[in-house]
Protein backbone atom coordinates (compact mmCIF):
# COMPACT_ATOMS: atom_id res chain seq x y z
CA MET A 1 2.10 27.40 28.25
CA ASN A 2 -0.29 25.55 29.54
CA THR A 3 -0.81 22.29 28.24
CA ASP A 4 -4.12 22.34 27.00
CA LYS A 5 -4.00 26.07 26.20
CA LYS A 6 -0.59 24.80 23.87
CA HIS A 7 -3.18 21.88 22.30
CA LEU A 8 -5.89 24.10 21.84
CA ASP A 9 -3.68 26.31 19.83
CA LEU A 10 -2.66 24.10 17.65
CA ILE A 11 -6.14 22.36 16.65
CA ASN A 12 -7.55 26.09 15.99
CA PHE A 13 -4.17 26.55 13.83
CA ILE A 14 -4.79 23.11 11.75
CA GLY A 15 -8.71 24.47 11.45
CA LEU A 16 -7.61 27.48 9.60
CA GLN A 17 -5.60 24.88 6.90
CA ARG A 18 -8.44 23.67 4.68
CA GLU A 19 -7.06 25.07 1.61
CA ASN A 20 -3.89 24.71 2.51
CA ILE A 21 -4.15 20.82 2.74
CA GLN A 22 -6.77 20.78 -0.26
CA GLN A 23 -4.20 23.08 -2.57
CA LEU A 24 -1.61 20.32 -1.49
CA ALA A 25 -3.51 17.11 -2.38
CA THR A 26 -4.69 18.68 -5.73
CA ASP A 27 -0.80 19.45 -6.54
CA LEU A 28 -0.03 15.84 -5.67
CA ILE A 29 -2.96 14.48 -7.42
CA LYS A 30 -1.88 16.57 -10.85
CA ILE A 31 1.50 14.81 -10.84
CA PRO A 32 0.71 11.70 -12.91
CA THR A 33 2.66 8.66 -10.43
CA GLU A 34 1.27 5.55 -12.03
CA ASN A 35 2.81 2.65 -10.92
CA PRO A 36 3.88 0.52 -13.52
CA PRO A 37 5.85 1.86 -15.03
CA GLY A 38 6.99 4.27 -12.28
CA ASN A 39 6.17 7.93 -14.04
CA ASN A 40 7.49 11.34 -12.12
CA TYR A 41 8.81 9.67 -9.53
CA ARG A 42 11.88 12.05 -9.29
CA GLU A 43 9.28 15.19 -10.42
CA ILE A 44 7.11 14.47 -7.17
CA CYS A 45 10.50 13.88 -4.42
CA GLU A 46 11.41 17.36 -5.88
CA PHE A 47 8.34 19.01 -5.51
CA LEU A 48 7.63 17.80 -2.17
CA ALA A 49 11.53 18.17 -1.40
CA ASN A 50 11.14 22.06 -2.25
CA ARG A 51 8.01 22.84 -0.09
CA LEU A 52 9.83 20.81 3.10
CA LYS A 53 12.68 23.15 2.77
CA LYS A 54 10.63 26.20 3.27
CA SER A 55 9.96 24.67 6.70
CA GLY A 56 13.03 24.00 7.62
CA PHE A 57 13.52 20.18 6.94
CA ALA A 58 16.51 18.67 5.45
CA THR A 59 15.51 17.07 2.01
CA LYS A 60 17.63 13.81 0.99
CA LEU A 61 16.32 11.94 -2.43
CA ILE A 62 17.43 8.73 -2.62
CA ARG A 63 17.93 6.46 -5.68
CA ALA A 64 17.28 2.91 -5.64
CA LYS A 65 19.95 1.70 -7.18
CA GLY A 66 19.32 -1.89 -8.47
CA ALA A 67 16.27 -2.20 -6.19
CA LEU A 68 13.61 -4.31 -8.32
CA GLY A 69 11.75 -2.61 -10.59
CA ASP A 70 14.40 0.62 -10.90
CA SER A 71 15.84 1.36 -14.22
CA GLU A 72 17.79 4.21 -16.20
CA LYS A 73 14.30 4.20 -18.17
CA TYR A 74 12.18 4.25 -14.70
CA PRO A 75 14.43 5.42 -11.69
CA ARG A 76 13.00 4.47 -8.50
CA TRP A 77 13.43 7.78 -6.48
CA ASN A 78 12.51 8.20 -2.52
CA LEU A 79 12.12 11.11 -0.47
CA ILE A 80 13.37 11.26 3.13
CA ALA A 81 12.74 15.12 5.02
CA ARG A 82 14.08 15.40 8.53
CA HIS A 83 13.33 18.54 11.09
CA GLU A 84 15.52 18.59 14.29
CA THR A 85 16.29 21.42 16.74
CA GLY A 86 18.94 19.76 18.34
CA VAL A 87 17.18 19.18 21.32
CA LYS A 88 17.44 15.15 22.56
CA GLY A 89 13.44 13.71 21.57
CA ASP A 90 12.26 10.86 20.13
CA CYS A 91 11.37 10.84 16.54
CA ILE A 92 8.14 10.39 15.09
CA HIS A 93 8.05 9.27 11.06
CA PHE A 94 5.20 9.94 8.45
CA ASN A 95 5.68 7.49 5.27
CA SER A 96 3.60 7.59 2.51
CA HIS A 97 4.17 6.81 -0.63
CA THR A 98 3.65 8.21 -4.10
CA ASP A 99 3.11 5.91 -6.57
CA VAL A 100 -0.44 5.29 -7.69
CA VAL A 101 -1.78 2.63 -9.99
CA GLU A 102 -3.22 3.00 -13.29
CA ALA A 103 -6.29 5.24 -13.92
CA GLY A 104 -8.50 2.34 -15.74
CA HIS A 105 -11.56 2.78 -17.64
CA GLY A 106 -15.10 4.35 -16.02
CA TRP A 107 -13.68 8.08 -15.01
CA THR A 108 -16.26 10.80 -15.49
CA ILE A 109 -13.79 13.21 -14.39
CA ASP A 110 -9.92 13.84 -15.25
CA PRO A 111 -8.39 11.40 -13.10
CA PHE A 112 -4.86 13.63 -12.83
CA GLY A 113 -6.85 16.75 -12.92
CA GLY A 114 -7.44 16.88 -8.84
CA LEU A 115 -10.63 18.39 -8.94
CA ALA A 116 -11.98 19.86 -5.94
CA ILE A 117 -15.92 19.81 -6.38
CA GLU A 118 -17.50 20.78 -2.76
CA ASP A 119 -16.09 18.61 0.33
CA ARG A 120 -13.98 16.45 -2.08
CA VAL A 121 -10.84 16.03 -4.28
CA TYR A 122 -11.12 13.57 -7.09
CA GLY A 123 -8.28 11.84 -8.83
CA ARG A 124 -6.30 8.87 -8.93
CA GLY A 125 -4.31 8.23 -5.78
CA ALA A 126 -6.91 10.74 -3.71
CA CYS A 127 -7.43 8.57 -1.35
CA ASP A 128 -4.92 5.85 -1.43
CA MET A 129 -2.58 7.92 -0.86
CA LYS A 130 -1.99 11.32 -2.02
CA GLY A 131 -4.27 12.64 0.23
CA GLY A 132 -2.83 11.55 3.33
CA LEU A 133 0.89 12.24 2.13
CA ALA A 134 -0.76 16.21 2.25
CA THR A 135 -2.80 15.78 5.53
CA SER A 136 0.86 14.45 7.17
CA ILE A 137 3.01 17.79 5.78
CA VAL A 138 0.61 20.01 6.77
CA ALA A 139 0.27 18.52 9.94
CA ALA A 140 4.31 18.52 10.44
CA GLU A 141 4.21 22.28 8.83
CA THR A 142 1.47 23.75 11.24
CA PHE A 143 2.87 21.95 14.54
CA ILE A 144 6.63 23.18 13.53
CA LYS A 145 5.29 26.71 13.03
CA LEU A 146 3.69 26.79 16.23
CA ASN A 147 6.77 24.88 18.01
CA PRO A 148 10.22 26.05 16.32
CA LYS A 149 12.03 24.74 19.49
CA HIS A 150 10.36 21.36 19.53
CA ARG A 151 12.12 18.15 21.48
CA GLY A 152 13.45 15.50 18.56
CA ALA A 153 12.73 14.96 15.06
CA ILE A 154 10.02 14.38 12.36
CA GLU A 155 10.65 12.91 9.25
CA ILE A 156 8.33 13.07 6.50
CA SER A 157 9.07 10.06 3.63
CA ALA A 158 7.88 9.79 0.21
CA THR A 159 8.59 6.58 -1.46
CA THR A 160 7.89 4.38 -3.98
CA ASP A 161 6.26 1.32 -5.38
CA GLU A 162 4.62 0.11 -2.67
CA GLU A 163 1.41 -0.54 -4.85
CA SER A 164 3.57 -3.18 -6.01
CA GLY A 165 5.83 -4.68 -3.40
CA GLY A 166 7.58 -1.80 -2.12
CA PHE A 167 10.66 -3.33 -2.34
CA SER A 168 12.62 0.10 -4.11
CA GLY A 169 10.72 2.43 -1.52
CA VAL A 170 10.51 1.52 2.47
CA ALA A 171 12.41 -1.91 2.10
CA PHE A 172 15.33 -0.36 0.48
CA LEU A 173 15.16 2.66 2.82
CA ALA A 174 14.71 0.07 5.72
CA GLU A 175 17.87 -1.95 4.38
CA LYS A 176 20.13 1.53 4.67
CA GLY A 177 18.59 1.62 8.18
CA TYR A 178 16.53 4.37 7.76
CA PHE A 179 13.60 2.71 10.21
CA ASP A 180 16.36 1.65 12.61
CA PRO A 181 14.63 1.57 15.72
CA ASN A 182 17.79 3.52 17.70
CA LYS A 183 16.66 6.42 15.20
CA VAL A 184 13.14 6.22 14.76
CA ASN A 185 10.89 5.92 17.56
CA HIS A 186 7.58 6.05 15.80
CA VAL A 187 5.70 5.50 12.36
CA ILE A 188 2.63 6.60 10.72
CA ILE A 189 1.71 5.63 7.73
CA PRO A 190 -1.41 7.79 6.59
CA GLU A 191 -2.77 5.08 4.52
CA PRO A 192 -7.05 5.63 3.84
CA LEU A 193 -8.38 3.41 6.83
CA ASN A 194 -10.85 6.14 7.94
CA LYS A 195 -10.31 9.02 10.58
CA ASP A 196 -11.97 7.31 13.20
CA ARG A 197 -9.66 3.75 12.88
CA ILE A 198 -6.11 3.11 14.01
CA CYS A 199 -4.80 0.29 11.62
CA LEU A 200 -2.54 -2.52 13.53
CA GLY A 201 -1.48 -4.51 10.74
CA HIS A 202 -2.24 -6.60 7.95
CA ARG A 203 -3.23 -9.96 6.70
CA GLY A 204 -0.58 -12.76 5.41
CA VAL A 205 0.06 -12.73 1.32
CA TRP A 206 2.09 -15.39 -0.82
CA TRP A 207 1.77 -14.68 -4.70
CA ALA A 208 2.72 -17.57 -6.65
CA GLU A 209 2.62 -18.30 -9.98
CA ILE A 210 1.43 -21.24 -11.57
CA GLU A 211 2.25 -22.84 -14.84
CA THR A 212 0.82 -26.18 -16.40
CA LYS A 213 2.61 -27.48 -19.65
CA GLY A 214 1.30 -29.13 -22.37
CA LYS A 215 2.63 -30.50 -26.21
CA ILE A 216 2.43 -28.14 -29.00
CA ALA A 217 0.79 -29.48 -31.98
CA HIS A 218 -1.42 -27.95 -35.29
CA GLY A 219 -4.54 -26.55 -34.32
CA SER A 220 -6.24 -28.74 -36.29
CA MET A 221 -5.09 -31.93 -34.85
CA PRO A 222 -5.05 -31.33 -31.38
CA PHE A 223 -5.24 -34.97 -30.40
CA LEU A 224 -1.51 -34.69 -31.22
CA GLY A 225 -0.77 -32.65 -28.77
CA ASP A 226 -1.43 -32.13 -24.72
CA SER A 227 -3.15 -28.61 -24.37
CA ALA A 228 -1.70 -26.76 -21.44
CA ILE A 229 -4.68 -24.47 -20.82
CA ARG A 230 -6.77 -27.04 -20.69
CA HIS A 231 -5.00 -28.05 -18.03
CA MET A 232 -4.95 -25.06 -16.21
CA SER A 233 -8.81 -24.99 -16.83
CA ALA A 234 -9.03 -28.19 -14.63
CA VAL A 235 -6.68 -26.08 -12.27
CA LEU A 236 -9.31 -23.11 -11.52
CA THR A 237 -12.36 -25.33 -11.69
CA GLU A 238 -10.99 -27.35 -8.85
CA MET A 239 -10.31 -23.82 -7.40
CA GLU A 240 -13.72 -22.72 -7.74
CA GLU A 241 -14.91 -25.41 -6.70
CA ASN A 242 -13.18 -26.90 -3.28
CA LEU A 243 -10.44 -24.00 -2.67
CA VAL A 244 -12.62 -21.06 -2.46
CA PRO A 245 -15.47 -22.04 -0.36
CA LEU A 246 -12.81 -23.98 2.01
CA LEU A 247 -11.23 -20.90 2.14
CA LEU A 248 -14.36 -18.75 2.91
CA GLY A 249 -15.02 -21.09 5.59
CA ARG A 250 -11.99 -19.69 7.89
CA LYS A 251 -12.77 -16.37 9.79
CA SER A 252 -9.80 -14.46 11.47
CA GLU A 253 -10.06 -13.14 15.26
CA MET A 254 -8.35 -10.15 13.93
CA PRO A 255 -10.47 -7.15 13.49
CA VAL A 256 -9.97 -7.22 9.68
CA VAL A 257 -12.07 -4.29 7.49
CA PRO A 258 -14.38 -4.58 5.66
CA ASP A 259 -15.89 -7.50 7.46
CA GLN A 260 -15.53 -10.13 4.18
CA ALA A 261 -11.77 -9.23 4.17
CA LYS A 262 -11.93 -11.73 8.15
CA LYS A 263 -12.12 -14.84 5.59
CA ALA A 264 -8.99 -16.14 3.73
CA SER A 265 -9.08 -15.76 0.28
CA LEU A 266 -7.71 -16.34 -3.21
CA ASN A 267 -7.30 -14.23 -6.11
CA ILE A 268 -6.44 -14.98 -9.80
CA ASN A 269 -4.31 -12.15 -10.77
CA SER A 270 -3.54 -13.47 -14.24
CA ILE A 271 -3.86 -16.00 -16.69
CA HIS A 272 -1.32 -16.26 -19.93
CA GLY A 273 -1.04 -19.19 -22.18
CA GLY A 274 -0.83 -20.20 -26.24
CA GLU A 275 0.44 -17.73 -28.79
CA LYS A 276 1.60 -14.70 -27.57
CA GLU A 277 -0.64 -11.36 -27.74
CA GLN A 278 0.41 -10.12 -30.59
CA VAL A 279 2.17 -5.98 -31.34
CA TYR A 280 -0.26 -3.72 -31.30
CA ASP A 281 0.56 -3.18 -35.30
CA TYR A 282 -0.14 -6.54 -36.40
CA GLU A 283 -3.46 -6.93 -37.97
CA GLY A 284 -2.87 -10.53 -39.60
CA LEU A 285 -4.73 -13.29 -37.69
CA PRO A 286 -2.79 -16.07 -35.25
CA THR A 287 -1.54 -18.72 -35.81
CA PRO A 288 -3.18 -22.60 -34.88
CA CYS A 289 -0.89 -24.28 -32.88
CA VAL A 290 -2.12 -26.20 -29.37
CA PRO A 291 -0.67 -24.50 -26.50
CA ASP A 292 2.68 -25.68 -24.83
CA ARG A 293 2.35 -23.62 -21.53
CA CYS A 294 -0.04 -21.79 -19.78
CA LYS A 295 0.45 -19.74 -16.50
CA ILE A 296 -1.42 -18.19 -14.00
CA THR A 297 -0.21 -15.80 -10.81
CA ILE A 298 -2.38 -16.16 -8.10
CA ASP A 299 -3.15 -13.96 -4.72
CA ARG A 300 -3.35 -15.74 -1.60
CA ARG A 301 -4.30 -13.87 1.59
CA PHE A 302 -4.19 -15.76 4.89
CA LEU A 303 -4.66 -15.18 8.24
CA ILE A 304 -2.65 -15.07 11.31
CA GLU A 305 -4.80 -17.92 12.38
CA GLU A 306 -2.96 -19.97 9.13
CA ASN A 307 0.60 -21.14 8.58
CA LEU A 308 2.24 -20.28 5.86
CA GLN A 309 3.72 -23.71 4.67
CA ASP A 310 0.38 -25.30 5.15
CA VAL A 311 -1.04 -22.43 2.90
CA LYS A 312 1.45 -23.49 0.17
CA ASN A 313 1.08 -27.27 0.74
CA GLU A 314 -2.56 -26.79 0.39
CA ILE A 315 -1.92 -25.42 -3.42
CA LYS A 316 0.49 -28.13 -4.20
CA ASN A 317 -1.43 -30.57 -2.72
CA LEU A 318 -4.22 -29.41 -5.00
CA MET A 319 -2.10 -29.87 -8.32
CA GLU A 320 -1.12 -33.09 -7.23
CA LYS A 321 -4.35 -34.22 -6.97
CA LEU A 322 -5.13 -33.26 -10.38
CA LYS A 323 -1.90 -35.17 -11.81
CA THR A 324 -3.60 -38.31 -10.54
CA LYS A 325 -6.52 -37.64 -12.61
CA ARG A 326 -5.37 -36.09 -15.75
CA PRO A 327 -2.71 -37.88 -18.54
CA GLY A 328 0.23 -35.93 -18.75
CA PHE A 329 -0.36 -33.30 -16.45
CA GLN A 330 2.98 -31.30 -15.48
CA TYR A 331 3.52 -28.27 -13.46
CA ASP A 332 5.94 -26.03 -11.85
CA ILE A 333 4.79 -23.54 -8.67
CA LYS A 334 7.06 -20.17 -8.34
CA ASP A 335 6.84 -18.64 -5.14
CA LEU A 336 7.19 -14.31 -6.00
CA PHE A 337 6.39 -12.83 -2.86
CA GLU A 338 5.64 -13.43 0.35
CA VAL A 339 4.37 -11.72 4.19
CA LEU A 340 3.72 -12.81 7.46
CA PRO A 341 0.39 -10.75 8.96
CA THR A 342 1.37 -8.60 11.05
CA MET A 343 0.04 -6.61 14.46
CA THR A 344 1.51 -3.81 16.43
CA ASN A 345 0.58 -4.40 20.26
CA LYS A 346 -1.95 -2.06 21.39
CA ASN A 347 -0.47 -0.29 24.48
CA SER A 348 2.46 0.83 22.10
CA LYS A 349 3.12 4.60 22.73
CA ILE A 350 1.89 5.49 18.98
CA VAL A 351 -1.36 3.68 19.62
CA ARG A 352 -1.99 5.10 23.03
CA VAL A 353 -1.05 8.40 21.73
CA VAL A 354 -3.15 8.20 18.59
CA ASP A 355 -6.29 6.85 20.43
CA ASN A 356 -5.96 9.98 23.19
CA SER A 357 -6.05 12.25 19.49
CA ILE A 358 -8.68 10.80 17.94
CA GLN A 359 -11.23 10.90 21.33
CA LYS A 360 -10.31 14.55 21.86
CA ILE A 361 -11.08 15.42 18.21
CA LEU A 362 -13.90 13.36 16.82
CA LYS A 363 -14.96 12.79 21.00
CA ARG A 364 -15.24 9.47 20.27
CA LYS A 365 -13.58 6.14 21.04
CA PRO A 366 -11.13 4.75 17.68
CA GLU A 367 -11.96 1.34 16.15
CA TYR A 368 -8.61 -1.16 15.74
CA VAL A 369 -8.70 -2.29 12.67
CA ILE A 370 -6.39 -4.58 10.25
CA SER A 371 -6.13 -3.89 6.84
CA PRO A 372 -6.98 -6.55 4.18
CA GLY A 373 -3.71 -5.92 2.46
CA THR A 374 -0.64 -5.62 2.82
CA TYR A 375 1.16 -2.08 3.06
CA ASP A 376 4.86 -0.80 4.02
CA GLN A 377 4.32 -1.32 7.50
CA LYS A 378 5.91 -4.90 6.58
CA HIS A 379 9.12 -3.95 5.47
CA ILE A 380 9.09 -1.40 8.57
CA ASP A 381 8.66 -4.74 10.53
CA ARG A 382 10.30 -6.89 8.95
CA ILE A 383 13.65 -5.62 7.59
CA GLY A 384 14.24 -2.47 9.98
CA GLN A 385 12.85 -4.45 12.98
CA LEU A 386 10.70 -1.52 14.01
CA LYS A 387 7.27 -2.73 15.97
CA ASN A 388 5.79 0.55 16.76
CA CYS A 389 4.17 1.26 13.49
CA ILE A 390 0.59 2.09 12.51
CA ALA A 391 -1.33 2.94 9.56
CA TYR A 392 -3.53 6.09 10.41
CA GLY A 393 -4.92 8.72 7.44
CA PRO A 394 -8.32 10.10 6.05
CA GLY A 395 -10.11 8.42 3.56
CA ILE A 396 -12.15 5.55 2.60
CA LEU A 397 -10.41 2.49 1.76
CA GLU A 398 -13.14 0.84 -0.59
CA LEU A 399 -12.36 3.51 -3.04
CA ALA A 400 -8.88 2.77 -3.41
CA HIS A 401 -8.07 2.12 -7.20
CA GLN A 402 -11.65 2.40 -8.19
CA PRO A 403 -12.68 5.07 -10.98
CA ASP A 404 -13.60 8.43 -9.57
CA GLU A 405 -11.39 7.90 -6.28
CA TRP A 406 -12.19 10.88 -3.82
CA ILE A 407 -11.28 12.16 -0.69
CA GLY A 408 -13.26 14.54 1.73
CA ILE A 409 -11.72 17.87 2.69
CA ASP A 410 -13.02 18.41 5.67
CA ASP A 411 -11.64 14.05 6.83
CA MET A 412 -8.31 15.33 6.10
CA LEU A 413 -8.87 18.69 7.96
CA GLU A 414 -10.03 16.70 11.04
CA SER A 415 -7.15 13.73 10.78
CA CYS A 416 -4.70 17.02 10.14
CA LYS A 417 -5.77 17.62 13.62
CA VAL A 418 -5.34 14.21 15.09
CA MET A 419 -2.21 13.89 13.55
CA GLY A 420 -1.25 17.22 14.69
CA LEU A 421 -2.02 16.55 18.07
CA SER A 422 -0.13 13.55 17.94
CA ILE A 423 2.90 14.99 17.11
CA GLU A 424 2.95 17.19 19.98
CA LYS A 425 2.23 14.86 22.63
CA ILE A 426 5.28 12.86 21.56
CA LEU A 427 7.64 15.25 21.22
CA ASN A 428 6.67 18.22 23.43
């Protein structure tokens, strides 16, 4: 069959899958996989396995036994599905995370209802990234129907805990060899970066816990103690008045989106100090104590032009500066998590193929971007040593983690055509 004819047949067939892709996105949203704590991971993996088996995929459920976050109460289940015919060829792998962040407040609809209104499917995870997962599955299924004797292999993985680092998901699977470049040649992660964008990588990240120390005393006599919270207040003031403006003056040459994310950034994820928050059924008053401990968790996003050690030293120098100015000032800095910036080569085959497919389907050249936050490419690159990896999928990144999160059905359908055509170009 003529290649152009095959491409057209596939594109037209995918064009008939609007209801199919909408329903799958809805079904996935209705399984509330909130992380933390990590609900219903096995349920969503079994749902996907049962569906993919009908298209001839061999499926495997893999629990990340012993990995970070895994427990008997909240086991971390992942799915690997593979379709092959025995004909030699490349392997293209679609990886999506199944976990979603908490619903939070401000919703006007049921966050786990999967409600479809006009061209949108609403719900927590619609955009990030159950819509992308549904899109990749329909693309693969449709390709297989039209190409039952295709070369190579198609893999689909549904993995856990991307929102909390991905250590029991992609990192665990990479350690087990599931992203070995000798087995997998190309990876697409359907994160919501927009249907006409190819995401080549992400900024770097360093999470750390900073603790200030003090001396406990009676709250009526604070002069007998030393408030760790007041010390931490000085830390926060120094960050706000001096460090943050310094970071905003640094701008990357990487094509990070949105534009504001081209700059280095610092976020305070949490602050805890003094007396512990009481259990929910306690109705009494707190006790009067000067706090002897205070902790913050920082999220420092750094640019490819920055050095990680310099990033860490910047915080340490800030703390040392305060130590010279504040009597009794003591602190600890604890590393929690770090990932270097990564960027896939624009000349790699997966980039060129998806670029060509976008141009064919959308009639315009794609925009090349870098994600402001990390995603599971970091583990595929760092542990799996697989460099041919991009993020490409439907959805608007700014809607992620927001109330009334949604994804466009037409966007999923067009992105599905791009994915399906990319599969065909690689495997046929």
